[in-house]
Amino acid sequence: MEPMLKARGLVKRYGKVTALDHCDFDLMPGEILAIIGDNGAGKSSLIKAISGAVVPDAGTVTLEGKEIHFRSPIDARNAGIETVYQTLAMSPALSIADNMFMGRELRKPGFRGSVLRQLDRKRMEEVAREKLSELGLMTIQNINQAVETLSGGQRQGVAVARAAAFGSKVIILDEPTAALGVKESRKVLELILEVKSRGIPIILISHNMPHVFEVADRIHVHRLGKRLCLIDPKEHSMSDAVAYMTGAAVPEAA
């Protein structure tokens, strides 16, 4: 099976610091791929190179077998790759519907939309409500309430729903449960599995090993700027994963 998203030989340097050192990456169709690694291992640089936030100095990235050259996150978004950052990248003062469509607002048809540039707020609210309902998030009653009035779990849910609504090919989740309590984390994990059930592959970056081992199909262990190994969570323990991450053990394939 050909990977949905593939990278080969990625290099990214910041002065004398090498963040990515000829790194390889593979995301298979329909899977949840977790990326784990110690702080400074280069996980963020890898994700930024894939999502268009940085341009690698060398190497290639292919999406569905075609080589791609993203110059910005907008390019990645247009290609169907959506990223939910740890900061969520939402405007607290704006409504749920406005945040869902930020940067891709729907305009009214005809003259009012093309010339007067009037927004089709009714349509945006309908689509936002529909996407939240699909993911079981309609505990949020008012689609027009400000995001700042939501709980942490609800905000994360809106961010995931936004990614699921527009991420037609790949969704990247950066530490989605880092700042959440037990109950809200459970809801987000259920959301992740719901998105997977719709056939969209997910890249999950997380330090939470129980969450990684619960939902991931494969685990990409990142160390010293490159992929150290790929492990199956059914065949390896959390202790194995931590040992590989920290250098306390060497994987058999290495």
Protein backbone atom coordinates (compact mmCIF):
# COMPACT_ATOMS: atom_id res chain seq x y z
CA MET A 1 0.00 0.00 0.00
CA GLU A 2 1.36 3.42 -0.98
CA PRO A 3 1.57 6.03 1.81
CA MET A 4 -0.95 8.87 1.71
CA LEU A 5 1.77 11.29 2.84
CA LYS A 6 5.46 10.53 2.51
CA ALA A 7 8.71 12.40 3.18
CA ARG A 8 12.21 11.37 2.26
CA GLY A 9 15.51 12.89 3.35
CA LEU A 10 14.10 16.03 4.96
CA VAL A 11 16.76 18.44 6.20
CA LYS A 12 16.14 21.66 8.12
CA ARG A 13 18.92 23.72 9.68
CA TYR A 14 18.73 26.84 11.81
CA GLY A 15 22.26 28.18 11.69
CA LYS A 16 24.47 25.51 13.24
CA VAL A 17 21.52 23.62 14.69
CA THR A 18 20.19 20.71 12.58
CA ALA A 19 16.51 20.25 13.44
CA LEU A 20 15.86 17.61 10.76
CA ASP A 21 18.68 15.30 9.73
CA HIS A 22 17.67 13.41 6.56
CA CYS A 23 14.35 12.46 8.13
CA ASP A 24 11.89 9.98 6.59
CA PHE A 25 8.16 9.85 7.24
CA ASP A 26 5.20 7.70 6.12
CA LEU A 27 1.48 8.10 6.81
CA MET A 28 -0.68 5.28 5.48
CA PRO A 29 -4.30 5.76 4.33
CA GLY A 30 -6.88 5.68 7.12
CA GLU A 31 -4.43 5.24 10.01
CA ILE A 32 -3.65 7.14 13.19
CA LEU A 33 0.11 7.64 13.27
CA ALA A 34 1.50 8.89 16.57
CA ILE A 35 4.77 10.82 16.63
CA ILE A 36 6.66 10.66 19.91
CA GLY A 37 10.05 11.98 20.90
CA ASP A 38 11.91 13.81 23.62
CA ASN A 39 11.93 17.61 23.77
CA GLY A 40 14.22 18.94 21.03
CA ALA A 41 14.03 15.74 18.98
CA GLY A 42 12.68 17.63 15.96
CA LYS A 43 9.00 16.63 16.05
CA SER A 44 7.76 20.20 15.59
CA SER A 45 10.15 20.84 12.71
CA LEU A 46 8.93 17.67 10.99
CA ILE A 47 5.29 18.69 11.34
CA LYS A 48 6.03 22.24 10.18
CA ALA A 49 7.83 20.92 7.11
CA ILE A 50 4.85 18.70 6.27
CA SER A 51 2.22 21.38 6.95
CA GLY A 52 3.95 24.21 5.07
CA ALA A 53 4.93 26.26 8.13
CA VAL A 54 8.63 25.91 7.20
CA VAL A 55 10.34 25.10 3.91
CA PRO A 56 12.88 22.25 4.28
CA ASP A 57 16.42 22.84 3.05
CA ALA A 58 16.49 19.45 1.33
CA GLY A 59 14.33 16.38 0.80
CA THR A 60 10.97 15.66 -0.79
CA VAL A 61 7.37 15.42 0.39
CA THR A 62 4.72 13.57 -1.61
CA LEU A 63 0.95 13.55 -1.14
CA GLU A 64 -0.96 10.70 -2.82
CA GLY A 65 2.13 9.90 -4.87
CA LYS A 66 2.63 13.46 -6.17
CA GLU A 67 5.54 15.60 -5.05
CA ILE A 68 4.43 18.79 -3.31
CA HIS A 69 6.23 22.02 -2.46
CA PHE A 70 4.37 23.99 0.20
CA ARG A 71 5.45 27.59 0.73
CA SER A 72 2.93 28.35 3.46
CA PRO A 73 0.27 26.65 5.62
CA ILE A 74 -2.30 28.03 3.18
CA ASP A 75 -0.78 25.84 0.45
CA ALA A 76 -1.10 22.78 2.71
CA ARG A 77 -4.65 23.71 3.64
CA ASN A 78 -5.60 24.07 -0.03
CA ALA A 79 -4.14 20.60 -0.66
CA GLY A 80 -6.37 19.10 2.06
CA ILE A 81 -3.97 19.04 5.03
CA GLU A 82 -5.37 20.63 8.20
CA THR A 83 -3.40 21.22 11.40
CA VAL A 84 -4.78 21.71 14.91
CA TYR A 85 -2.01 23.43 16.86
CA GLN A 86 -1.55 23.16 20.60
CA THR A 87 -2.60 26.82 20.89
CA LEU A 88 -5.74 25.96 18.82
CA ALA A 89 -5.24 29.13 16.71
CA MET A 90 -8.73 30.45 17.40
CA SER A 91 -10.03 33.93 18.11
CA PRO A 92 -11.68 33.84 21.58
CA ALA A 93 -13.92 36.85 20.97
CA LEU A 94 -15.44 35.47 17.77
CA SER A 95 -18.30 32.98 17.59
CA ILE A 96 -17.96 29.24 16.97
CA ALA A 97 -19.24 29.65 13.40
CA ASP A 98 -16.83 32.54 12.71
CA ASN A 99 -13.89 30.49 14.00
CA MET A 100 -14.90 27.48 11.93
CA PHE A 101 -14.79 29.57 8.75
CA MET A 102 -11.95 31.94 9.62
CA GLY A 103 -9.98 32.61 6.43
CA ARG A 104 -12.49 30.79 4.20
CA GLU A 105 -15.73 32.63 4.82
CA LEU A 106 -18.71 31.87 2.60
CA ARG A 107 -20.14 34.78 0.64
CA LYS A 108 -23.68 35.28 -0.52
CA PRO A 109 -24.41 34.22 -4.09
CA GLY A 110 -24.55 36.69 -6.94
CA PHE A 111 -23.95 40.43 -6.81
CA ARG A 112 -24.19 40.73 -3.02
CA GLY A 113 -21.35 38.28 -2.52
CA SER A 114 -19.06 38.98 -5.46
CA VAL A 115 -19.29 42.79 -5.48
CA LEU A 116 -20.62 43.83 -2.07
CA ARG A 117 -18.69 40.94 -0.43
CA GLN A 118 -21.49 40.17 2.01
CA LEU A 119 -20.99 37.04 4.12
CA ASP A 120 -23.53 34.22 4.02
CA ARG A 121 -23.76 33.91 7.81
CA LYS A 122 -26.83 31.67 7.71
CA ARG A 123 -25.06 29.11 5.53
CA MET A 124 -21.90 29.22 7.68
CA GLU A 125 -23.96 28.63 10.82
CA GLU A 126 -25.77 25.70 9.19
CA VAL A 127 -22.52 24.05 8.09
CA ALA A 128 -20.85 24.65 11.47
CA ARG A 129 -23.82 23.11 13.31
CA GLU A 130 -23.82 20.16 10.90
CA LYS A 131 -20.09 19.47 11.39
CA LEU A 132 -20.36 19.70 15.17
CA SER A 133 -23.33 17.35 15.13
CA GLU A 134 -21.43 14.80 13.01
CA LEU A 135 -18.77 14.60 15.71
CA GLY A 136 -21.27 14.49 18.58
CA LEU A 137 -20.47 17.99 19.82
CA MET A 138 -23.94 19.48 20.01
CA THR A 139 -23.70 19.87 23.76
CA ILE A 140 -22.76 23.30 22.42
CA GLN A 141 -26.22 24.81 22.15
CA ASN A 142 -25.55 28.20 20.58
CA ILE A 143 -23.41 28.22 17.45
CA ASN A 144 -23.06 32.01 17.82
CA GLN A 145 -21.62 32.02 21.32
CA ALA A 146 -18.06 33.30 21.70
CA VAL A 147 -15.32 30.66 21.87
CA GLU A 148 -14.03 32.25 25.09
CA THR A 149 -17.21 31.06 26.85
CA LEU A 150 -16.45 27.37 26.07
CA SER A 151 -14.62 24.89 28.27
CA GLY A 152 -11.17 23.66 27.25
CA GLY A 153 -12.58 20.40 25.93
CA GLN A 154 -15.25 22.18 23.91
CA ARG A 155 -12.67 24.52 22.37
CA GLN A 156 -10.52 21.56 21.40
CA GLY A 157 -13.63 19.92 19.95
CA VAL A 158 -14.38 22.96 17.81
CA ALA A 159 -10.78 22.99 16.55
CA VAL A 160 -10.95 19.28 15.66
CA ALA A 161 -14.35 19.77 14.00
CA ARG A 162 -12.92 22.62 11.92
CA ALA A 163 -10.04 20.40 10.82
CA ALA A 164 -12.38 17.50 10.05
CA ALA A 165 -14.69 19.78 8.07
CA PHE A 166 -11.94 21.03 5.75
CA GLY A 167 -9.13 18.48 6.05
CA SER A 168 -10.09 16.24 3.18
CA LYS A 169 -6.85 14.24 3.09
CA VAL A 170 -4.79 14.55 6.31
CA ILE A 171 -5.37 15.96 9.79
CA ILE A 172 -2.45 16.84 12.09
CA LEU A 173 -3.15 17.13 15.83
CA ASP A 174 -0.45 18.72 18.01
CA GLU A 175 -0.82 17.73 21.70
CA PRO A 176 -4.66 17.76 21.58
CA THR A 177 -5.12 16.65 25.21
CA ALA A 178 -2.18 18.48 26.83
CA ALA A 179 -4.20 21.07 28.78
CA LEU A 180 -7.35 19.02 29.37
CA GLY A 181 -8.75 17.10 32.33
CA VAL A 182 -9.58 13.40 32.30
CA LYS A 183 -13.19 13.75 31.12
CA GLU A 184 -12.40 16.29 28.39
CA SER A 185 -9.39 14.25 27.21
CA ARG A 186 -11.66 11.23 26.86
CA LYS A 187 -14.03 13.22 24.64
CA VAL A 188 -11.18 14.39 22.40
CA LEU A 189 -9.90 10.80 22.01
CA GLU A 190 -13.39 9.75 20.99
CA LEU A 191 -13.41 12.59 18.44
CA ILE A 192 -10.10 11.37 17.03
CA LEU A 193 -11.48 7.85 16.58
CA GLU A 194 -14.66 9.27 15.02
CA VAL A 195 -12.60 11.22 12.47
CA LYS A 196 -10.57 8.08 11.70
CA SER A 197 -13.79 6.12 11.11
CA ARG A 198 -14.56 8.55 8.29
CA GLY A 199 -11.39 7.41 6.52
CA ILE A 200 -9.22 10.47 7.18
CA PRO A 201 -5.66 9.61 8.29
CA ILE A 202 -4.43 11.43 11.39
CA ILE A 203 -0.98 12.44 12.62
CA LEU A 204 -1.02 12.67 16.42
CA ILE A 205 1.83 14.38 18.27
CA SER A 206 1.63 13.64 21.98
CA HIS A 207 3.67 13.11 25.14
CA ASN A 208 0.79 11.24 26.76
CA MET A 209 1.79 7.59 26.34
CA PRO A 210 -1.50 6.03 27.53
CA HIS A 211 -3.39 8.11 24.95
CA VAL A 212 -0.88 7.24 22.21
CA PHE A 213 -1.08 3.51 22.92
CA GLU A 214 -4.88 3.64 23.10
CA VAL A 215 -5.60 5.19 19.70
CA ALA A 216 -2.50 4.86 17.49
CA ASP A 217 -2.18 2.21 14.79
CA ARG A 218 1.58 2.82 14.51
CA ILE A 219 4.08 4.92 16.44
CA HIS A 220 6.85 6.95 14.79
CA VAL A 221 9.72 7.37 17.29
CA HIS A 222 11.65 10.56 16.56
CA ARG A 223 15.14 11.06 17.93
CA LEU A 224 17.99 13.46 17.09
CA GLY A 225 16.22 14.95 14.09
CA LYS A 226 15.24 11.74 12.32
CA ARG A 227 12.94 8.73 12.50
CA LEU A 228 14.57 6.20 14.80
CA CYS A 229 11.99 3.47 14.21
CA LEU A 230 8.33 2.61 13.69
CA ILE A 231 6.71 0.42 16.33
CA ASP A 232 3.40 -1.39 16.67
CA PRO A 233 1.69 -0.49 19.97
CA LYS A 234 0.28 -4.02 20.14
CA GLU A 235 3.77 -5.53 20.10
CA HIS A 236 5.67 -3.01 22.24
CA SER A 237 5.14 -1.59 25.71
CA MET A 238 5.13 2.02 26.85
CA SER A 239 8.44 1.32 28.57
CA ASP A 240 9.91 0.22 25.22
CA ALA A 241 8.73 3.43 23.57
CA VAL A 242 10.18 5.65 26.30
CA ALA A 243 13.48 3.76 26.20
CA TYR A 244 13.76 4.27 22.44
CA MET A 245 12.86 7.96 22.76
CA THR A 246 15.50 8.65 25.40
CA GLY A 247 18.25 6.46 23.96
CA ALA A 248 18.17 4.00 26.88
CA ALA A 249 17.50 1.17 24.41
CA VAL A 250 18.12 0.58 20.72
CA PRO A 251 15.31 -0.89 18.59
CA GLU A 252 16.09 -4.22 16.96
CA ALA A 253 15.61 -2.82 13.45
CA ALA A 254 18.08 0.01 14.07
